[in-house]
Amino acid sequence: MKAETKNGVGEITIESVGRSNDPKRNRRSHWWVLLLAAVIAVLLVISGIVPRIQARTALRRETIQMAIPAVAVVQPKHSSPAQEIVLPANVQAFADAPIYARTNGYLKHWYVDIGGRVKAGQLLAEIDTPEINQQLRQARADLATSRANLDLSKITSDRYSDLLKTDSVSKQEADNAVGDYAAKQATVQSAQANVKRLEELQSFQKIYAPFSGVITARNTDVGALIDSGSSGGPRSELFHIAQPDKLRVYVSVPEIYSQAAKPGLTADLMLKEFPGHPFEGKLVRTANAIDPTSRTLLVEIAVNNPTGQLLTGAYAEVHLKIPTAASAFILPVNTLLFRSEGLRVATVGGDGQHVDLKPITLGHDFGSEVEVIAGLNGSENVIVNPPDSVVSGQTVRIAQPSSGQGGQ
């Protein structure tokens, strides 16, 4: 077929392919187009359905996973060979005594005030005792009279004894003279004892320190009436003395620790006045009896105080190191399950998926933690805050890695 341009300049010959008008080939091309469209449609359907199926499967899997309760676990900690308990304590001086008067009178003078350090035998005060002085003078006069009567009775007794040999007097008269002499001897001895008693009372005019220490109280002054209490009145405490170089610290140990609290244990004394500065002491003796009121054992701890830093009468905390009888484990209290069949803990088995309830036996209670003396081997994953409905064999999942710290 030929074609001419309108301007007749040139001529273009286009030769059509004769097979383009072939019906068989057109039909075949049509089928290929349909097949391609079908494939594309299937791919589009697959690309839309498969993600939905995958999402649905993932959702189902996540739902099943979320239906399994998540638990936090801890591993038991080994208890130390010696555990430390903290107890309140009273600090007292090794020697502590009130000083009273042993005679009546008026305070004449005092020589040491509170806070003064004194030596044993040092003069503390003097008492004026005019009544005792007068009684002593009278007693000495009575003693002199008794001795004069004794001398006269002795002369008479000797004379009657000599006269009896010549039968100048009767035996009865001689015996009377001898008996009177013996009575006068007893009278002299009585007068001597009375004089000695009054001299002792007079010696109590001076008050001496019974031991070396510190005067912690002075309850009298010059001119004050001193009553020894011998006449039934109230006694007057003049001074109070304490020996602070060595201290006695008394602690009431709970009965559960009484068997372990033995002499020789070390203890640290802590006071708020000295934060972070422990004072070392040693348990020296116990009462060897439980107080039925408080159910505690009274123990005494000796603490050296050469510089006098620690003041008597202070409140302190004693950190007492109690040895444990056997190796045990420590668990937080929020791992315990109180069941009708007994105390239990819930553990996650070796597969990390199933619960196992184990019976345990407790030792000491430390407040936020407890000591387990039987029922664990130390390798368990113990569930923290287990629900009351948990049962053996229940499926769980661990929400956090095992840790030696209790869940707080």
Protein backbone atom coordinates (compact mmCIF):
# COMPACT_ATOMS: atom_id res chain seq x y z
CA MET A 1 0.00 0.00 0.00
CA LYS A 2 1.33 3.40 -0.89
CA ALA A 3 0.68 6.85 0.53
CA GLU A 4 1.58 10.30 -0.83
CA THR A 5 2.10 13.56 0.94
CA LYS A 6 -0.21 16.44 0.11
CA ASN A 7 2.59 18.45 -1.32
CA GLY A 8 3.70 15.58 -3.46
CA VAL A 9 7.27 16.03 -2.52
CA GLY A 10 7.92 12.57 -1.32
CA GLU A 11 6.36 9.18 -0.92
CA ILE A 12 6.25 6.92 2.06
CA THR A 13 5.63 3.25 1.66
CA ILE A 14 4.24 1.37 4.66
CA GLU A 15 4.11 -2.29 4.46
CA SER A 16 1.73 -3.88 6.88
CA VAL A 17 2.53 -7.24 8.31
CA GLY A 18 0.09 -9.56 6.85
CA ARG A 19 -0.16 -11.80 9.99
CA SER A 20 -1.58 -8.90 12.15
CA ASN A 21 -4.91 -9.73 10.76
CA ASP A 22 -4.50 -13.44 11.71
CA PRO A 23 -7.43 -14.48 14.01
CA LYS A 24 -5.51 -17.30 15.74
CA ARG A 25 -2.74 -15.02 16.82
CA ASN A 26 -5.20 -12.44 18.17
CA ARG A 27 -6.97 -15.13 20.24
CA ARG A 28 -3.68 -16.36 21.71
CA SER A 29 -2.67 -12.84 22.73
CA HIS A 30 -6.02 -12.37 24.44
CA TRP A 31 -5.52 -15.47 26.59
CA TRP A 32 -2.11 -14.32 27.67
CA VAL A 33 -3.54 -11.01 28.79
CA LEU A 34 -6.27 -12.76 30.77
CA LEU A 35 -3.74 -15.08 32.41
CA LEU A 36 -1.53 -12.17 33.37
CA ALA A 37 -4.48 -10.31 34.83
CA ALA A 38 -5.53 -13.38 36.82
CA VAL A 39 -2.01 -13.81 38.19
CA ILE A 40 -1.91 -10.18 39.20
CA ALA A 41 -5.33 -10.47 40.85
CA VAL A 42 -4.24 -13.57 42.80
CA LEU A 43 -1.06 -11.82 43.92
CA LEU A 44 -3.08 -8.84 45.05
CA VAL A 45 -5.46 -11.10 46.99
CA ILE A 46 -2.58 -13.01 48.57
CA SER A 47 -0.75 -9.83 49.51
CA GLY A 48 -3.87 -8.60 51.29
CA ILE A 49 -4.93 -11.83 53.03
CA VAL A 50 -1.58 -13.22 54.18
CA PRO A 51 -0.70 -10.23 56.43
CA ARG A 52 -4.13 -10.47 57.99
CA ILE A 53 -3.64 -14.15 58.68
CA GLN A 54 -0.22 -13.49 60.12
CA ALA A 55 -1.52 -10.64 62.29
CA ARG A 56 -4.38 -12.83 63.51
CA THR A 57 -1.96 -15.65 64.33
CA ALA A 58 0.38 -13.26 66.15
CA LEU A 59 -2.56 -11.79 68.09
CA ARG A 60 -3.72 -15.25 69.09
CA ARG A 61 -0.21 -16.19 70.15
CA GLU A 62 0.18 -12.95 72.13
CA THR A 63 -3.23 -13.42 73.75
CA ILE A 64 -2.30 -16.93 74.84
CA GLN A 65 1.05 -15.64 76.10
CA MET A 66 -0.55 -12.76 78.01
CA ALA A 67 -3.03 -15.16 79.59
CA ILE A 68 -0.09 -16.84 81.37
CA PRO A 69 0.59 -14.89 84.61
CA ALA A 70 3.98 -13.16 84.78
CA VAL A 71 5.91 -13.58 88.02
CA ALA A 72 9.01 -12.00 89.51
CA VAL A 73 11.43 -14.38 91.17
CA VAL A 74 14.35 -14.24 93.58
CA GLN A 75 16.93 -16.80 94.59
CA PRO A 76 17.54 -17.61 98.28
CA LYS A 77 20.59 -16.00 99.85
CA HIS A 78 22.92 -17.95 102.10
CA SER A 79 22.90 -16.66 105.67
CA SER A 80 26.21 -15.70 107.24
CA PRO A 81 27.84 -17.94 109.90
CA ALA A 82 27.12 -15.22 112.46
CA GLN A 83 24.12 -12.97 112.30
CA GLU A 84 23.93 -9.54 113.85
CA ILE A 85 21.03 -8.42 115.99
CA VAL A 86 20.50 -4.84 117.15
CA LEU A 87 19.11 -4.34 120.65
CA PRO A 88 18.56 -1.31 122.92
CA ALA A 89 20.87 -1.07 125.91
CA ASN A 90 21.53 0.93 129.07
CA VAL A 91 25.06 2.15 129.79
CA GLN A 92 26.06 2.05 133.44
CA ALA A 93 29.29 2.62 135.31
CA PHE A 94 31.21 -0.41 136.47
CA ALA A 95 30.85 0.85 140.07
CA ASP A 96 28.06 3.22 141.03
CA ALA A 97 27.04 4.14 144.58
CA PRO A 98 25.09 6.74 146.53
CA ILE A 99 26.90 8.19 149.57
CA TYR A 100 24.86 8.66 152.76
CA ALA A 101 25.73 9.99 156.18
CA ARG A 102 26.09 7.55 159.08
CA THR A 103 25.58 10.20 161.75
CA ASN A 104 23.19 13.07 162.40
CA GLY A 105 24.19 16.71 162.37
CA TYR A 106 24.70 19.68 160.09
CA LEU A 107 26.94 19.86 157.04
CA LYS A 108 30.01 21.80 158.03
CA HIS A 109 31.83 21.82 154.67
CA TRP A 110 31.93 20.05 151.30
CA TYR A 111 35.08 19.77 149.16
CA VAL A 112 34.06 18.24 145.79
CA ASP A 113 31.31 19.33 143.40
CA ILE A 114 29.64 17.47 140.50
CA GLY A 115 32.01 16.38 137.74
CA GLY A 116 34.96 16.26 140.12
CA ARG A 117 37.27 13.28 139.89
CA VAL A 118 38.24 11.82 143.23
CA LYS A 119 40.55 9.11 144.52
CA ALA A 120 39.59 6.34 146.88
CA GLY A 121 39.70 7.68 150.48
CA GLN A 122 39.57 11.35 149.45
CA LEU A 123 37.69 13.64 151.86
CA LEU A 124 34.36 14.79 150.41
CA ALA A 125 32.62 16.59 153.27
CA GLU A 126 32.52 17.17 157.04
CA ILE A 127 29.52 17.05 159.37
CA ASP A 128 29.19 18.96 162.62
CA THR A 129 27.73 16.59 165.28
CA PRO A 130 27.34 18.45 168.62
CA GLU A 131 24.95 15.86 170.04
CA ILE A 132 27.32 12.98 169.33
CA ASN A 133 30.17 14.93 170.88
CA GLN A 134 28.16 15.51 174.06
CA GLN A 135 27.09 11.88 174.25
CA LEU A 136 30.72 10.80 173.85
CA ARG A 137 31.83 13.01 176.72
CA GLN A 138 29.08 11.58 178.92
CA ALA A 139 29.99 8.03 177.94
CA ARG A 140 33.64 8.62 178.80
CA ALA A 141 32.62 9.98 182.21
CA ASP A 142 30.43 6.93 182.78
CA LEU A 143 33.39 4.74 181.85
CA ALA A 144 35.59 6.51 184.39
CA THR A 145 32.95 6.01 187.09
CA SER A 146 32.67 2.33 186.20
CA ARG A 147 36.42 1.88 186.41
CA ALA A 148 36.54 3.58 189.83
CA ASN A 149 33.78 1.31 191.09
CA LEU A 150 35.62 -1.66 189.61
CA ASP A 151 38.82 -0.73 191.49
CA LEU A 152 36.92 -0.43 194.75
CA SER A 153 35.15 -3.70 194.16
CA LYS A 154 38.46 -5.41 193.45
CA ILE A 155 39.96 -4.17 196.72
CA THR A 156 36.92 -5.35 198.64
CA SER A 157 36.95 -8.73 196.92
CA ASP A 158 40.66 -9.23 197.71
CA ARG A 159 40.17 -8.26 201.39
CA TYR A 160 37.25 -10.59 201.87
CA SER A 161 39.22 -13.41 200.26
CA ASP A 162 42.09 -12.89 202.75
CA LEU A 163 39.70 -12.60 205.72
CA LEU A 164 37.93 -15.76 204.67
CA LYS A 165 41.18 -17.67 205.14
CA THR A 166 41.17 -16.73 208.87
CA ASP A 167 37.42 -17.18 209.17
CA SER A 168 37.07 -13.50 209.96
CA VAL A 169 34.12 -13.19 207.56
CA SER A 170 31.53 -15.62 206.39
CA LYS A 171 31.81 -17.38 203.08
CA GLN A 172 28.61 -15.67 201.94
CA GLU A 173 30.13 -12.23 202.47
CA ALA A 174 33.24 -13.26 200.52
CA ASP A 175 31.14 -14.59 197.66
CA ASN A 176 29.13 -11.36 197.58
CA ALA A 177 32.33 -9.35 197.25
CA VAL A 178 33.64 -11.57 194.46
CA GLY A 179 30.29 -11.38 192.61
CA ASP A 180 30.19 -7.58 192.95
CA TYR A 181 33.68 -7.40 191.46
CA ALA A 182 32.59 -9.49 188.45
CA ALA A 183 29.52 -7.28 187.95
CA LYS A 184 31.66 -4.17 188.07
CA GLN A 185 33.90 -5.70 185.38
CA ALA A 186 30.89 -6.22 183.11
CA THR A 187 29.78 -2.63 183.76
CA VAL A 188 33.18 -1.35 182.70
CA GLN A 189 33.10 -3.43 179.52
CA SER A 190 29.63 -2.07 178.69
CA ALA A 191 30.82 1.50 179.22
CA GLN A 192 33.84 0.85 177.03
CA ALA A 193 31.59 -0.50 174.23
CA ASN A 194 29.37 2.57 174.46
CA VAL A 195 32.37 4.85 174.23
CA LYS A 196 33.65 2.88 171.24
CA ARG A 197 30.25 3.16 169.53
CA LEU A 198 30.12 6.90 169.97
CA GLU A 199 33.70 7.27 168.81
CA GLU A 200 32.74 5.39 165.62
CA LEU A 201 29.76 7.67 165.12
CA GLN A 202 31.98 10.66 165.66
CA SER A 203 34.41 9.34 163.04
CA PHE A 204 31.53 9.46 160.53
CA GLN A 205 31.72 13.24 160.74
CA LYS A 206 34.06 13.01 157.77
CA ILE A 207 32.75 11.59 154.47
CA TYR A 208 35.32 9.83 152.27
CA ALA A 209 35.14 8.52 148.70
CA PRO A 210 34.70 4.72 148.74
CA PHE A 211 36.49 4.29 145.40
CA SER A 212 38.05 6.34 142.63
CA GLY A 213 35.55 7.89 140.26
CA VAL A 214 33.50 10.94 139.32
CA ILE A 215 31.01 12.76 141.54
CA THR A 216 27.81 12.78 139.50
CA ALA A 217 25.53 14.41 142.10
CA ARG A 218 25.81 16.65 145.19
CA ASN A 219 22.55 16.86 147.10
CA THR A 220 23.55 18.92 150.11
CA ASP A 221 25.09 22.24 151.08
CA VAL A 222 26.69 23.94 154.05
CA GLY A 223 24.27 24.18 157.00
CA ALA A 224 21.90 21.47 155.69
CA LEU A 225 20.46 19.13 158.31
CA ILE A 226 21.87 15.63 157.88
CA ASP A 227 19.72 12.69 158.90
CA SER A 228 21.30 9.24 158.84
CA GLY A 229 17.90 7.55 159.22
CA SER A 230 18.89 5.95 162.53
CA SER A 231 16.00 7.68 164.28
CA GLY A 232 13.42 6.53 161.71
CA GLY A 233 13.52 9.63 159.50
CA PRO A 234 14.32 9.71 155.77
CA ARG A 235 17.97 9.30 154.86
CA SER A 236 19.76 12.11 153.06
CA GLU A 237 21.90 11.16 150.05
CA LEU A 238 24.85 13.51 150.12
CA PHE A 239 26.75 12.53 146.97
CA HIS A 240 26.59 10.07 144.11
CA ILE A 241 29.80 8.60 142.73
CA ALA A 242 30.41 6.56 139.58
CA GLN A 243 33.46 4.82 138.15
CA PRO A 244 33.31 5.40 134.35
CA ASP A 245 36.66 3.92 133.32
CA LYS A 246 34.92 0.64 132.61
CA LEU A 247 31.25 0.38 131.73
CA ARG A 248 28.58 -2.24 132.20
CA VAL A 249 26.08 -2.38 129.35
CA TYR A 250 22.93 -4.33 130.14
CA VAL A 251 20.96 -5.81 127.23
CA SER A 252 17.74 -7.83 127.23
CA VAL A 253 18.22 -10.55 124.60
CA PRO A 254 15.04 -12.17 123.20
CA GLU A 255 14.48 -15.74 124.31
CA ILE A 256 14.95 -17.09 120.77
CA TYR A 257 18.62 -15.98 120.89
CA SER A 258 19.22 -16.92 124.53
CA GLN A 259 21.04 -20.19 123.81
CA ALA A 260 23.48 -18.46 121.46
CA ALA A 261 24.23 -15.54 123.79
CA LYS A 262 27.27 -16.93 125.57
CA PRO A 263 30.11 -15.13 127.39
CA GLY A 264 32.93 -14.22 125.04
CA LEU A 265 30.82 -12.92 122.15
CA THR A 266 31.88 -9.59 120.70
CA ALA A 267 29.48 -6.67 120.53
CA ASP A 268 29.65 -3.15 119.12
CA LEU A 269 28.13 -0.25 121.01
CA MET A 270 26.63 2.53 118.87
CA LEU A 271 25.50 5.91 120.20
CA LYS A 272 23.84 8.78 118.38
CA GLU A 273 26.47 11.13 119.79
CA PHE A 274 29.14 9.23 117.84
CA PRO A 275 27.65 8.36 114.42
CA GLY A 276 29.70 5.78 112.56
CA HIS A 277 31.99 5.21 115.56
CA PRO A 278 31.43 1.80 117.18
CA PHE A 279 32.81 1.02 120.63
CA GLU A 280 33.94 -2.56 121.01
CA GLY A 281 32.69 -4.62 123.93
CA LYS A 282 32.52 -8.23 125.07
CA LEU A 283 29.71 -10.23 126.62
CA VAL A 284 31.02 -11.19 130.05
CA ARG A 285 28.04 -12.74 131.88
CA THR A 286 24.36 -13.57 131.64
CA ALA A 287 21.58 -13.90 134.19
CA ASN A 288 21.13 -17.59 133.26
CA ALA A 289 17.38 -17.11 133.64
CA ILE A 290 14.57 -15.87 131.40
CA ASP A 291 12.57 -12.94 132.73
CA PRO A 292 8.98 -14.27 132.83
CA THR A 293 7.55 -10.78 132.22
CA SER A 294 9.52 -9.79 129.11
CA ARG A 295 10.68 -13.30 128.03
CA THR A 296 14.22 -12.00 127.64
CA LEU A 297 17.66 -12.93 128.94
CA LEU A 298 19.58 -10.17 130.73
CA VAL A 299 23.22 -10.08 129.61
CA GLU A 300 26.10 -7.82 130.62
CA ILE A 301 28.61 -6.42 128.14
CA ALA A 302 31.86 -4.88 129.36
CA VAL A 303 33.16 -1.83 127.47
CA ASN A 304 36.45 -0.08 128.26
CA ASN A 305 36.14 3.69 128.56
CA PRO A 306 39.59 4.99 129.52
CA THR A 307 39.07 8.48 128.11
CA GLY A 308 35.58 8.90 129.55
CA GLN A 309 33.98 9.55 126.16
CA LEU A 310 30.97 7.43 126.99
CA LEU A 311 28.72 8.86 129.69
CA THR A 312 27.04 6.67 132.24
CA GLY A 313 23.27 6.43 131.97
CA ALA A 314 23.33 6.88 128.18
CA TYR A 315 21.04 5.04 125.77
CA ALA A 316 22.81 2.95 123.16
CA GLU A 317 22.27 0.28 120.54
CA VAL A 318 24.21 -2.95 120.82
CA HIS A 319 25.09 -4.83 117.64
CA LEU A 320 25.47 -8.36 118.95
CA LYS A 321 26.98 -11.00 116.66
CA ILE A 322 25.10 -14.25 117.29
CA PRO A 323 26.57 -17.43 115.72
CA THR A 324 24.12 -19.53 113.70
CA ALA A 325 23.86 -23.24 114.37
CA ALA A 326 23.81 -24.34 110.70
CA SER A 327 23.79 -22.93 107.19
CA ALA A 328 20.41 -21.46 106.27
CA PHE A 329 18.84 -19.27 103.59
CA ILE A 330 17.36 -15.80 103.66
CA LEU A 331 14.13 -14.91 101.83
CA PRO A 332 12.03 -11.73 101.76
CA VAL A 333 8.80 -12.03 103.71
CA ASN A 334 6.70 -11.32 100.59
CA THR A 335 7.57 -14.77 99.22
CA LEU A 336 5.71 -16.68 101.96
CA LEU A 337 2.40 -18.45 101.45
CA PHE A 338 0.33 -19.24 104.53
CA ARG A 339 -1.79 -22.27 103.73
CA SER A 340 -3.96 -24.50 105.87
CA GLU A 341 -1.51 -27.35 105.25
CA GLY A 342 1.40 -25.22 106.48
CA LEU A 343 3.88 -22.60 105.38
CA ARG A 344 4.87 -22.77 101.70
CA VAL A 345 6.86 -20.92 99.05
CA ALA A 346 6.04 -21.00 95.34
CA THR A 347 8.99 -21.80 93.08
CA VAL A 348 9.35 -21.98 89.30
CA GLY A 349 10.57 -25.43 88.19
CA GLY A 350 13.60 -26.19 86.10
CA ASP A 351 11.61 -25.78 82.87
CA GLY A 352 10.92 -22.16 83.84
CA GLN A 353 7.19 -22.57 83.22
CA HIS A 354 5.49 -24.52 86.01
CA VAL A 355 4.93 -23.74 89.69
CA ASP A 356 6.03 -26.01 92.51
CA LEU A 357 4.86 -25.35 96.08
CA LYS A 358 7.50 -26.30 98.66
CA PRO A 359 7.02 -26.60 102.44
CA ILE A 360 9.64 -24.73 104.47
CA THR A 361 10.66 -24.31 108.10
CA LEU A 362 11.48 -20.84 109.39
CA GLY A 363 14.24 -19.86 111.78
CA HIS A 364 14.65 -16.25 112.84
CA ASP A 365 12.42 -13.38 111.75
CA PHE A 366 14.39 -10.26 110.74
CA GLY A 367 11.40 -8.10 109.92
CA SER A 368 11.59 -7.64 106.14
CA GLU A 369 13.39 -10.99 105.75
CA VAL A 370 13.12 -14.44 107.30
CA GLU A 371 15.57 -17.28 107.83
CA VAL A 372 14.67 -20.63 106.22
CA ILE A 373 16.36 -23.55 107.94
CA ALA A 374 14.72 -26.40 106.00
CA GLY A 375 12.97 -26.98 102.68
CA LEU A 376 15.32 -25.21 100.21
CA ASN A 377 18.60 -26.09 98.53
CA GLY A 378 19.45 -22.57 97.35
CA SER A 379 19.01 -23.03 93.58
CA GLU A 380 15.25 -22.38 93.44
CA ASN A 381 13.59 -19.44 91.71
CA VAL A 382 11.16 -18.31 94.39
CA ILE A 383 8.13 -16.27 93.29
CA VAL A 384 7.77 -12.84 94.86
CA ASN A 385 4.26 -11.80 95.95
CA PRO A 386 2.63 -15.07 94.79
CA PRO A 387 -1.17 -14.92 94.43
CA ASP A 388 -3.19 -16.83 97.00
CA SER A 389 -4.75 -18.89 94.20
CA VAL A 390 -1.45 -20.29 92.91
CA VAL A 391 -1.28 -24.10 92.77
CA SER A 392 1.38 -26.66 91.94
CA GLY A 393 1.74 -27.28 88.20
CA GLN A 394 0.32 -23.90 87.19
CA THR A 395 1.94 -22.39 84.10
CA VAL A 396 3.70 -19.07 84.62
CA ARG A 397 6.30 -16.98 82.88
CA ILE A 398 9.22 -15.22 84.53
CA ALA A 399 8.91 -11.47 84.08
CA GLN A 400 12.44 -10.62 85.15
CA PRO A 401 15.79 -12.38 85.51
CA SER A 402 16.53 -14.20 88.73
CA SER A 403 18.12 -11.96 91.32
CA GLY A 404 19.49 -12.37 94.76
CA GLN A 405 17.55 -9.30 95.92
CA GLY A 406 14.06 -9.58 97.29
CA GLY A 407 11.27 -7.75 95.57
CA GLN A 408 10.44 -4.60 97.43
